[in-house]
C-alpha atoms as a PDB file:
ATOM      1  CA  UNK A   1       0.000   0.000   0.000  1.00  0.00           C
ATOM      2  CA  UNK A   2       2.713   2.519   0.945  1.00  0.00           C
ATOM      3  CA  UNK A   3       5.041   2.455  -2.056  1.00  0.00           C
ATOM      4  CA  UNK A   4       5.656   4.673  -5.058  1.00  0.00           C
ATOM      5  CA  UNK A   5       5.490   8.455  -5.293  1.00  0.00           C
ATOM      6  CA  UNK A   6       3.559  10.180  -2.527  1.00  0.00           C
ATOM      7  CA  UNK A   7       3.051  13.918  -2.204  1.00  0.00           C
ATOM      8  CA  UNK A   8       3.733  15.750   1.049  1.00  0.00           C
ATOM      9  CA  UNK A   9       0.822  18.128   0.560  1.00  0.00           C
ATOM     10  CA  UNK A  10       1.060  21.842   1.187  1.00  0.00           C
ATOM     11  CA  UNK A  11      -1.727  23.345   3.287  1.00  0.00           C
ATOM     12  CA  UNK A  12      -3.266  26.298   1.411  1.00  0.00           C
ATOM     13  CA  UNK A  13      -4.303  29.261   3.553  1.00  0.00           C
ATOM     14  CA  UNK A  14      -6.477  32.276   2.781  1.00  0.00           C
ATOM     15  CA  UNK A  15      -6.855  35.083   5.288  1.00  0.00           C
ATOM     16  CA  UNK A  16      -5.153  33.008   7.972  1.00  0.00           C
ATOM     17  CA  UNK A  17      -7.557  30.077   7.608  1.00  0.00           C
ATOM     18  CA  UNK A  18      -7.400  26.754   5.771  1.00  0.00           C
ATOM     19  CA  UNK A  19      -8.400  27.285   2.137  1.00  0.00           C
ATOM     20  CA  UNK A  20     -10.560  24.173   1.751  1.00  0.00           C
ATOM     21  CA  UNK A  21     -11.550  24.672  -1.881  1.00  0.00           C
ATOM     22  CA  UNK A  22      -7.936  25.090  -2.983  1.00  0.00           C
ATOM     23  CA  UNK A  23      -6.835  22.090  -0.942  1.00  0.00           C
ATOM     24  CA  UNK A  24      -9.507  19.951  -2.587  1.00  0.00           C
ATOM     25  CA  UNK A  25      -8.442  21.127  -6.063  1.00  0.00           C
ATOM     26  CA  UNK A  26      -4.806  20.426  -5.233  1.00  0.00           C
ATOM     27  CA  UNK A  27      -5.621  16.884  -4.121  1.00  0.00           C
ATOM     28  CA  UNK A  28      -7.548  16.252  -7.355  1.00  0.00           C
ATOM     29  CA  UNK A  29      -4.604  17.616  -9.362  1.00  0.00           C
ATOM     30  CA  UNK A  30      -2.294  15.155  -7.602  1.00  0.00           C
ATOM     31  CA  UNK A  31      -4.534  12.163  -8.224  1.00  0.00           C
ATOM     32  CA  UNK A  32      -5.300  13.158 -11.807  1.00  0.00           C
ATOM     33  CA  UNK A  33      -1.551  13.293 -12.442  1.00  0.00           C
ATOM     34  CA  UNK A  34      -1.093   9.737 -11.159  1.00  0.00           C
ATOM     35  CA  UNK A  35       0.353  10.195  -7.679  1.00  0.00           C
ATOM     36  CA  UNK A  36       0.285   7.016  -5.558  1.00  0.00           C
ATOM     37  CA  UNK A  37      -0.679   8.544  -2.183  1.00  0.00           C
ATOM     38  CA  UNK A  38      -1.134  11.898  -0.466  1.00  0.00           C
ATOM     39  CA  UNK A  39       0.402  12.937   2.841  1.00  0.00           C
ATOM     40  CA  UNK A  40      -1.322  15.850   4.600  1.00  0.00           C
ATOM     41  CA  UNK A  41      -0.037  17.549   7.746  1.00  0.00           C
ATOM     42  CA  UNK A  42       3.653  16.851   7.425  1.00  0.00           C
ATOM     43  CA  UNK A  43       6.501  19.365   7.405  1.00  0.00           C
ATOM     44  CA  UNK A  44       5.431  20.636   3.977  1.00  0.00           C
ATOM     45  CA  UNK A  45       1.881  21.020   5.270  1.00  0.00           C
ATOM     46  CA  UNK A  46       3.039  23.361   8.064  1.00  0.00           C
ATOM     47  CA  UNK A  47       1.679  21.005  10.700  1.00  0.00           C
ATOM     48  CA  UNK A  48       3.741  22.729  13.368  1.00  0.00           C
ATOM     49  CA  UNK A  49       1.588  25.864  13.125  1.00  0.00           C
ATOM     50  CA  UNK A  50      -1.793  24.154  12.809  1.00  0.00           C
ATOM     51  CA  UNK A  51      -3.979  23.889  15.867  1.00  0.00           C
ATOM     52  CA  UNK A  52      -5.156  20.386  16.774  1.00  0.00           C
ATOM     53  CA  UNK A  53      -8.561  21.224  15.353  1.00  0.00           C
ATOM     54  CA  UNK A  54      -7.086  22.520  12.097  1.00  0.00           C
ATOM     55  CA  UNK A  55      -4.749  19.534  11.842  1.00  0.00           C
ATOM     56  CA  UNK A  56      -7.631  17.084  12.010  1.00  0.00           C
ATOM     57  CA  UNK A  57      -9.734  19.252   9.694  1.00  0.00           C
ATOM     58  CA  UNK A  58      -7.036  19.111   6.992  1.00  0.00           C
ATOM     59  CA  UNK A  59      -6.938  15.325   7.331  1.00  0.00           C
ATOM     60  CA  UNK A  60     -10.742  15.175   7.208  1.00  0.00           C
ATOM     61  CA  UNK A  61     -10.793  17.237   3.992  1.00  0.00           C
ATOM     62  CA  UNK A  62      -8.098  15.033   2.455  1.00  0.00           C
ATOM     63  CA  UNK A  63      -9.844  11.762   3.320  1.00  0.00           C
ATOM     64  CA  UNK A  64     -13.148  13.094   2.012  1.00  0.00           C
ATOM     65  CA  UNK A  65     -11.708  14.457  -1.238  1.00  0.00           C
ATOM     66  CA  UNK A  66      -9.553  11.410  -1.955  1.00  0.00           C
ATOM     67  CA  UNK A  67     -12.604   9.181  -1.446  1.00  0.00           C
ATOM     68  CA  UNK A  68     -10.568   5.996  -1.499  1.00  0.00           C
ATOM     69  CA  UNK A  69      -8.791   6.687  -4.798  1.00  0.00           C
ATOM     70  CA  UNK A  70      -5.308   6.552  -3.217  1.00  0.00           C
ATOM     71  CA  UNK A  71      -4.058   6.026   0.347  1.00  0.00           C
ATOM     72  CA  UNK A  72      -4.000   8.972   2.759  1.00  0.00           C
ATOM     73  CA  UNK A  73      -1.004   8.886   5.107  1.00  0.00           C
ATOM     74  CA  UNK A  74      -1.546  11.689   7.606  1.00  0.00           C
ATOM     75  CA  UNK A  75       1.046  13.307   9.806  1.00  0.00           C
ATOM     76  CA  UNK A  76       0.361  12.652  13.482  1.00  0.00           C
ATOM     77  CA  UNK A  77       3.705  13.056  15.219  1.00  0.00           C
ATOM     78  CA  UNK A  78       4.688  15.204  18.178  1.00  0.00           C
ATOM     79  CA  UNK A  79       7.514  15.678  20.642  1.00  0.00           C
ATOM     80  CA  UNK A  80       4.958  14.695  23.301  1.00  0.00           C
ATOM     81  CA  UNK A  81       4.146  10.987  23.201  1.00  0.00           C
ATOM     82  CA  UNK A  82       0.671  11.500  24.654  1.00  0.00           C
ATOM     83  CA  UNK A  83      -0.071  14.172  22.029  1.00  0.00           C
ATOM     84  CA  UNK A  84       1.141  11.821  19.287  1.00  0.00           C
ATOM     85  CA  UNK A  85      -1.296   9.193  20.596  1.00  0.00           C
ATOM     86  CA  UNK A  86      -4.121  11.743  20.574  1.00  0.00           C
ATOM     87  CA  UNK A  87      -3.415  12.909  17.014  1.00  0.00           C
ATOM     88  CA  UNK A  88      -2.979   9.356  15.765  1.00  0.00           C
ATOM     89  CA  UNK A  89      -6.284   8.315  17.311  1.00  0.00           C
ATOM     90  CA  UNK A  90      -7.830  11.335  15.599  1.00  0.00           C
ATOM     91  CA  UNK A  91      -6.550  10.553  12.113  1.00  0.00           C
ATOM     92  CA  UNK A  92      -7.570   6.907  12.479  1.00  0.00           C
ATOM     93  CA  UNK A  93     -11.102   7.895  13.459  1.00  0.00           C
ATOM     94  CA  UNK A  94     -11.327  10.207  10.447  1.00  0.00           C
ATOM     95  CA  UNK A  95     -10.309   7.374   8.135  1.00  0.00           C
ATOM     96  CA  UNK A  96      -6.649   7.922   7.257  1.00  0.00           C
ATOM     97  CA  UNK A  97      -4.951   4.804   5.912  1.00  0.00           C
ATOM     98  CA  UNK A  98      -1.732   5.375   7.817  1.00  0.00           C
ATOM     99  CA  UNK A  99       0.284   7.722   9.991  1.00  0.00           C
ATOM    100  CA  UNK A 100       3.484   9.573   9.170  1.00  0.00           C
ATOM    101  CA  UNK A 101       5.142  10.065  12.547  1.00  0.00           C
ATOM    102  CA  UNK A 102       8.120  12.367  12.971  1.00  0.00           C
ATOM    103  CA  UNK A 103      10.754  11.649  15.604  1.00  0.00           C
ATOM    104  CA  UNK A 104      10.191  13.749  18.744  1.00  0.00           C
ATOM    105  CA  UNK A 105      11.817  17.136  18.153  1.00  0.00           C
ATOM    106  CA  UNK A 106      13.547  19.588  20.488  1.00  0.00           C
ATOM    107  CA  UNK A 107      13.655  17.382  23.597  1.00  0.00           C
ATOM    108  CA  UNK A 108      16.288  15.120  21.934  1.00  0.00           C
ATOM    109  CA  UNK A 109      15.427  11.684  23.356  1.00  0.00           C
ATOM    110  CA  UNK A 110      17.972   8.876  23.492  1.00  0.00           C
ATOM    111  CA  UNK A 111      17.683   5.926  21.118  1.00  0.00           C
ATOM    112  CA  UNK A 112      15.856   4.048  23.876  1.00  0.00           C
ATOM    113  CA  UNK A 113      13.507   7.012  24.252  1.00  0.00           C
ATOM    114  CA  UNK A 114      12.779   6.893  20.520  1.00  0.00           C
ATOM    115  CA  UNK A 115      12.044   3.180  20.769  1.00  0.00           C
ATOM    116  CA  UNK A 116       9.712   3.682  23.714  1.00  0.00           C
ATOM    117  CA  UNK A 117       7.943   6.604  22.006  1.00  0.00           C
ATOM    118  CA  UNK A 118       7.105   4.731  18.821  1.00  0.00           C
ATOM    119  CA  UNK A 119       6.328   1.430  20.483  1.00  0.00           C
ATOM    120  CA  UNK A 120       3.953   3.183  22.909  1.00  0.00           C
ATOM    121  CA  UNK A 121       1.992   4.892  20.108  1.00  0.00           C
ATOM    122  CA  UNK A 122       1.924   1.701  18.051  1.00  0.00           C
ATOM    123  CA  UNK A 123       0.516  -0.200  21.022  1.00  0.00           C
ATOM    124  CA  UNK A 124      -2.158   2.419  21.713  1.00  0.00           C
ATOM    125  CA  UNK A 125      -3.357   2.972  18.130  1.00  0.00           C
ATOM    126  CA  UNK A 126      -3.747   0.140  15.637  1.00  0.00           C
ATOM    127  CA  UNK A 127      -2.897   1.977  12.430  1.00  0.00           C
ATOM    128  CA  UNK A 128       0.033   1.487  10.033  1.00  0.00           C
ATOM    129  CA  UNK A 129       2.835   3.856  11.067  1.00  0.00           C
ATOM    130  CA  UNK A 130       5.594   5.211   8.840  1.00  0.00           C
ATOM    131  CA  UNK A 131       8.292   6.726  11.023  1.00  0.00           C
ATOM    132  CA  UNK A 132       9.949   9.941   9.838  1.00  0.00           C
ATOM    133  CA  UNK A 133      13.625  10.617  10.510  1.00  0.00           C
ATOM    134  CA  UNK A 134      14.696  14.164   9.618  1.00  0.00           C
ATOM    135  CA  UNK A 135      17.609  15.203  11.859  1.00  0.00           C
ATOM    136  CA  UNK A 136      17.964  18.601  10.180  1.00  0.00           C
ATOM    137  CA  UNK A 137      14.544  19.553  11.529  1.00  0.00           C
ATOM    138  CA  UNK A 138      14.393  17.674  14.826  1.00  0.00           C
ATOM    139  CA  UNK A 139      17.910  17.707  16.247  1.00  0.00           C
ATOM    140  CA  UNK A 140      17.883  13.910  16.696  1.00  0.00           C
ATOM    141  CA  UNK A 141      18.919  11.073  14.379  1.00  0.00           C
ATOM    142  CA  UNK A 142      17.225   7.683  14.700  1.00  0.00           C
ATOM    143  CA  UNK A 143      19.934   5.092  14.093  1.00  0.00           C
ATOM    144  CA  UNK A 144      19.533   1.956  11.949  1.00  0.00           C
ATOM    145  CA  UNK A 145      19.621  -0.324  14.986  1.00  0.00           C
ATOM    146  CA  UNK A 146      16.672   1.534  16.543  1.00  0.00           C
ATOM    147  CA  UNK A 147      14.712   1.385  13.292  1.00  0.00           C
ATOM    148  CA  UNK A 148      15.392  -2.353  13.117  1.00  0.00           C
ATOM    149  CA  UNK A 149      14.016  -2.886  16.638  1.00  0.00           C
ATOM    150  CA  UNK A 150      10.882  -0.922  15.808  1.00  0.00           C
ATOM    151  CA  UNK A 151      10.424  -2.688  12.462  1.00  0.00           C
ATOM    152  CA  UNK A 152       9.545  -5.853  14.391  1.00  0.00           C
ATOM    153  CA  UNK A 153       6.368  -4.184  15.719  1.00  0.00           C
ATOM    154  CA  UNK A 154       3.588  -5.285  13.324  1.00  0.00           C
ATOM    155  CA  UNK A 155       1.942  -1.914  12.698  1.00  0.00           C
ATOM    156  CA  UNK A 156       5.219  -0.005  12.259  1.00  0.00           C
ATOM    157  CA  UNK A 157       5.543  -0.590   8.542  1.00  0.00           C
ATOM    158  CA  UNK A 158       8.077   1.874   7.191  1.00  0.00           C
ATOM    159  CA  UNK A 159      10.454   4.808   7.476  1.00  0.00           C
ATOM    160  CA  UNK A 160      10.651   8.097   5.644  1.00  0.00           C
ATOM    161  CA  UNK A 161      14.411   8.683   5.566  1.00  0.00           C
ATOM    162  CA  UNK A 162      15.208  12.383   5.224  1.00  0.00           C
ATOM    163  CA  UNK A 163      18.776  12.136   6.507  1.00  0.00           C
ATOM    164  CA  UNK A 164      20.239  12.453   3.009  1.00  0.00           C
ATOM    165  CA  UNK A 165      22.747   9.819   4.132  1.00  0.00           C
ATOM    166  CA  UNK A 166      22.762   6.858   1.757  1.00  0.00           C
ATOM    167  CA  UNK A 167      25.270   4.990   3.931  1.00  0.00           C
ATOM    168  CA  UNK A 168      22.912   5.164   6.909  1.00  0.00           C
ATOM    169  CA  UNK A 169      19.985   4.193   4.693  1.00  0.00           C
ATOM    170  CA  UNK A 170      21.992   1.199   3.442  1.00  0.00           C
ATOM    171  CA  UNK A 171      22.614  -0.039   6.968  1.00  0.00           C
ATOM    172  CA  UNK A 172      18.941   0.462   7.805  1.00  0.00           C
ATOM    173  CA  UNK A 173      17.860  -1.553   4.771  1.00  0.00           C
ATOM    174  CA  UNK A 174      20.352  -4.268   5.685  1.00  0.00           C
ATOM    175  CA  UNK A 175      18.847  -4.629   9.175  1.00  0.00           C
ATOM    176  CA  UNK A 176      15.092  -4.402   8.600  1.00  0.00           C
ATOM    177  CA  UNK A 177      12.763  -7.165   7.302  1.00  0.00           C
ATOM    178  CA  UNK A 178      12.207  -7.341   3.538  1.00  0.00           C
ATOM    179  CA  UNK A 179       8.617  -6.117   3.814  1.00  0.00           C
ATOM    180  CA  UNK A 180       9.587  -2.984   5.786  1.00  0.00           C
ATOM    181  CA  UNK A 181       9.308   0.031   3.463  1.00  0.00           C
ATOM    182  CA  UNK A 182      12.010   2.710   3.236  1.00  0.00           C
ATOM    183  CA  UNK A 183      10.889   5.900   1.490  1.00  0.00           C
ATOM    184  CA  UNK A 184      13.055   8.822   0.474  1.00  0.00           C
ATOM    185  CA  UNK A 185      12.475  12.121   2.229  1.00  0.00           C
ATOM    186  CA  UNK A 186      14.946  13.910  -0.046  1.00  0.00           C
ATOM    187  CA  UNK A 187      13.770  14.571  -3.600  1.00  0.00           C
ATOM    188  CA  UNK A 188      17.281  14.897  -5.021  1.00  0.00           C
ATOM    189  CA  UNK A 189      18.272  11.335  -4.057  1.00  0.00           C
ATOM    190  CA  UNK A 190      15.112   9.352  -4.780  1.00  0.00           C
ATOM    191  CA  UNK A 191      16.783   7.550  -7.681  1.00  0.00           C
ATOM    192  CA  UNK A 192      19.797   6.677  -5.527  1.00  0.00           C
ATOM    193  CA  UNK A 193      17.675   5.395  -2.633  1.00  0.00           C
ATOM    194  CA  UNK A 194      15.639   3.227  -4.996  1.00  0.00           C
ATOM    195  CA  UNK A 195      18.940   1.776  -6.155  1.00  0.00           C
ATOM    196  CA  UNK A 196      19.795   0.441  -2.696  1.00  0.00           C
ATOM    197  CA  UNK A 197      16.332  -0.963  -2.007  1.00  0.00           C
ATOM    198  CA  UNK A 198      14.024   1.958  -1.243  1.00  0.00           C
ATOM    199  CA  UNK A 199      10.407   1.678  -2.313  1.00  0.00           C
ATOM    200  CA  UNK A 200       9.430   5.257  -3.123  1.00  0.00           C
ATOM    201  CA  UNK A 201       9.349   8.842  -1.906  1.00  0.00           C
ATOM    202  CA  UNK A 202       7.290  11.252   0.148  1.00  0.00           C
ATOM    203  CA  UNK A 203       7.970  14.238  -2.049  1.00  0.00           C
ATOM    204  CA  UNK A 204       7.862  18.026  -1.933  1.00  0.00           C
ATOM    205  CA  UNK A 205       8.562  18.424  -5.656  1.00  0.00           C
ATOM    206  CA  UNK A 206       5.558  16.306  -6.619  1.00  0.00           C
ATOM    207  CA  UNK A 207       3.335  19.155  -5.419  1.00  0.00           C
ATOM    208  CA  UNK A 208       4.343  20.855  -8.678  1.00  0.00           C
ATOM    209  CA  UNK A 209       5.441  17.912 -10.874  1.00  0.00           C
ATOM    210  CA  UNK A 210       3.478  14.861  -9.702  1.00  0.00           C
ATOM    211  CA  UNK A 211       3.381  13.095 -13.075  1.00  0.00           C
ATOM    212  CA  UNK A 212       7.144  13.223 -13.553  1.00  0.00           C
ATOM    213  CA  UNK A 213       7.963  12.080 -10.018  1.00  0.00           C
ATOM    214  CA  UNK A 214       5.476   9.223 -10.290  1.00  0.00           C
ATOM    215  CA  UNK A 215       6.834   8.231 -13.693  1.00  0.00           C
ATOM    216  CA  UNK A 216      10.423   8.197 -12.417  1.00  0.00           C
ATOM    217  CA  UNK A 217       9.635   5.903  -9.486  1.00  0.00           C
ATOM    218  CA  UNK A 218       7.448   3.621 -11.609  1.00  0.00           C
ATOM    219  CA  UNK A 219      10.059   3.404 -14.361  1.00  0.00           C
ATOM    220  CA  UNK A 220      12.663   2.341 -11.824  1.00  0.00           C
ATOM    221  CA  UNK A 221      10.344  -0.270 -10.308  1.00  0.00           C
ATOM    222  CA  UNK A 222       9.600  -1.586 -13.820  1.00  0.00           C
ATOM    223  CA  UNK A 223      13.315  -1.943 -14.551  1.00  0.00           C
ATOM    224  CA  UNK A 224      13.390   0.884 -17.102  1.00  0.00           C
ATOM    225  CA  UNK A 225      16.573   2.421 -15.746  1.00  0.00           C
ATOM    226  CA  UNK A 226      17.260   4.758 -18.651  1.00  0.00           C
ATOM    227  CA  UNK A 227      13.849   6.427 -18.347  1.00  0.00           C
ATOM    228  CA  UNK A 228      14.174   6.649 -14.557  1.00  0.00           C
ATOM    229  CA  UNK A 229      17.679   8.083 -14.767  1.00  0.00           C
ATOM    230  CA  UNK A 230      16.667  10.672 -17.375  1.00  0.00           C
ATOM    231  CA  UNK A 231      13.742  11.780 -15.219  1.00  0.00           C
ATOM    232  CA  UNK A 232      16.024  11.962 -12.182  1.00  0.00           C
ATOM    233  CA  UNK A 233      18.281  14.434 -13.994  1.00  0.00           C
ATOM    234  CA  UNK A 234      15.285  16.335 -15.351  1.00  0.00           C
ATOM    235  CA  UNK A 235      13.818  16.713 -11.846  1.00  0.00           C
ATOM    236  CA  UNK A 236      17.125  17.472 -10.115  1.00  0.00           C
ATOM    237  CA  UNK A 237      17.246  21.271 -10.701  1.00  0.00           C
ATOM    238  CA  UNK A 238      13.600  21.524  -9.626  1.00  0.00           C
ATOM    239  CA  UNK A 239      14.417  19.548  -6.477  1.00  0.00           C
ATOM    240  CA  UNK A 240      17.239  21.958  -5.663  1.00  0.00           C
ATOM    241  CA  UNK A 241      14.990  24.956  -6.269  1.00  0.00           C
ATOM    242  CA  UNK A 242      12.403  23.690  -3.782  1.00  0.00           C
ATOM    243  CA  UNK A 243      15.000  23.984  -1.023  1.00  0.00           C
ATOM    244  CA  UNK A 244      16.627  27.352  -1.765  1.00  0.00           C
ATOM    245  CA  UNK A 245      14.872  28.505   1.405  1.00  0.00           C
ATOM    246  CA  UNK A 246      13.173  26.597   4.194  1.00  0.00           C
ATOM    247  CA  UNK A 247      10.517  24.131   3.020  1.00  0.00           C
ATOM    248  CA  UNK A 248       7.643  24.840   2.287  1.00  0.00           C
ATOM    249  CA  UNK A 249       8.487  28.442   1.399  1.00  0.00           C
ATOM    250  CA  UNK A 250       9.764  27.650  -2.144  1.00  0.00           C
ATOM    251  CA  UNK A 251       7.088  25.104  -3.061  1.00  0.00           C
ATOM    252  CA  UNK A 252       4.301  27.451  -1.982  1.00  0.00           C
ATOM    253  CA  UNK A 253       5.957  30.220  -3.963  1.00  0.00           C
ATOM    254  CA  UNK A 254       6.169  27.920  -6.975  1.00  0.00           C
ATOM    255  CA  UNK A 255       2.517  26.906  -6.730  1.00  0.00           C
ATOM    256  CA  UNK A 256       1.557  30.581  -6.483  1.00  0.00           C
ATOM    257  CA  UNK A 257       3.570  31.295  -9.643  1.00  0.00           C
ATOM    258  CA  UNK A 258       1.639  28.484 -11.314  1.00  0.00           C
ATOM    259  CA  UNK A 259      -1.660  30.043 -10.209  1.00  0.00           C
ATOM    260  CA  UNK A 260      -2.563  27.020  -8.110  1.00  0.00           C
ATOM    261  CA  UNK A 261      -2.822  28.757  -4.709  1.00  0.00           C
ATOM    262  CA  UNK A 262      -2.233  32.005  -2.872  1.00  0.00           C
ATOM    263  CA  UNK A 263       1.281  32.496  -1.525  1.00  0.00           C
ATOM    264  CA  UNK A 264       0.295  32.533   2.149  1.00  0.00           C
ATOM    265  CA  UNK A 265       2.366  30.958   4.906  1.00  0.00           C
ATOM    266  CA  UNK A 266       2.104  31.117   8.678  1.00  0.00           C
ATOM    267  CA  UNK A 267       4.633  32.982  10.748  1.00  0.00           C
ATOM    268  CA  UNK A 268       7.444  32.494  11.462  1.00  0.00           C
ATOM    269  CA  UNK A 269       7.652  31.388   7.815  1.00  0.00           C
ATOM    270  CA  UNK A 270       7.539  34.212   5.269  1.00  0.00           C
ATOM    271  CA  UNK A 271       7.308  34.219   1.455  1.00  0.00           C
ATOM    272  CA  UNK A 272      10.344  33.795  -0.786  1.00  0.00           C
ATOM    273  CA  UNK A 273      12.938  36.528  -0.868  1.00  0.00           C
ATOM    274  CA  UNK A 274      13.384  38.359  -4.165  1.00  0.00           C
ATOM    275  CA  UNK A 275      16.576  36.470  -5.101  1.00  0.00           C
ATOM    276  CA  UNK A 276      15.133  33.076  -4.185  1.00  0.00           C
ATOM    277  CA  UNK A 277      11.938  33.875  -6.071  1.00  0.00           C
ATOM    278  CA  UNK A 278      13.992  34.459  -9.204  1.00  0.00           C
ATOM    279  CA  UNK A 279      15.727  31.101  -8.794  1.00  0.00           C
ATOM    280  CA  UNK A 280      12.444  29.252  -8.352  1.00  0.00           C
ATOM    281  CA  UNK A 281      10.840  31.007 -11.319  1.00  0.00           C
ATOM    282  CA  UNK A 282      13.820  30.133 -13.522  1.00  0.00           C
ATOM    283  CA  UNK A 283      13.737  26.483 -12.447  1.00  0.00           C
ATOM    284  CA  UNK A 284      10.018  26.256 -13.244  1.00  0.00           C
ATOM    285  CA  UNK A 285      10.519  27.901 -16.626  1.00  0.00           C
ATOM    286  CA  UNK A 286      13.444  25.622 -17.476  1.00  0.00           C
ATOM    287  CA  UNK A 287      11.347  22.598 -16.522  1.00  0.00           C
ATOM    288  CA  UNK A 288       8.631  23.743 -18.911  1.00  0.00           C
ATOM    289  CA  UNK A 289       5.953  24.582 -16.356  1.00  0.00           C
ATOM    290  CA  UNK A 290       3.496  27.278 -17.431  1.00  0.00           C
ATOM    291  CA  UNK A 291       3.448  30.247 -15.074  1.00  0.00           C
ATOM    292  CA  UNK A 292       0.611  32.617 -14.304  1.00  0.00           C
END
């Protein structure tokens, strides 16, 4: 269920509130372009500045709009284990197919603390859980040995690896069971991670180029390496452009340039600087994307 190209959805805002109509249109755009799953309320969805009520409302909108066409893997992580349980119970009740659960941030737990955190949530809520390791955001790195321990828990089914470290990912893949799914959390190295045994990506870039990201992953899985490699190099400049400033600033700026949403973020995030805006616009133009 949780393989292929999945989009880490942006959360559109208008006047400080969730822009439901735009979110629904964006989800349809993703599915129409062939994306394999959608992931609301992750880093790209600005989950850290959504209230609990808004968080669950975004998931509710996504589940309703998707209507079973693709899986919905909703963010439900927290640096508080009890809050992670509460959010995960909430997304399960709404009808999400799985949880994307970030490692606890800021409080920097030990490896044993990480194990206890995930195992506690998995015990409390019977929903498939994809763990999310992104040290650059959280200040903590979940090591391969810890992932391997957690992979033995039946409803912990995968890991989004956003370390950018293919050596660490290789050791993780070596230690986990064959049916445990490793997904790339770095758009620029999806092709490389697939090459060592990864099964897909939770992508920022696919917000703007879902068809191409899906085609690249599918081509690789089908053994069409030349097509996959060509798409990797085609997507690479776009991947770089989406991280010229803190995610999701560039991808929201790009979608605004495409006329797909208003360029509204929540403080402390602010829109693209003038220089970065020029870089993103050039990358979109070079890729062949029509701009508003």
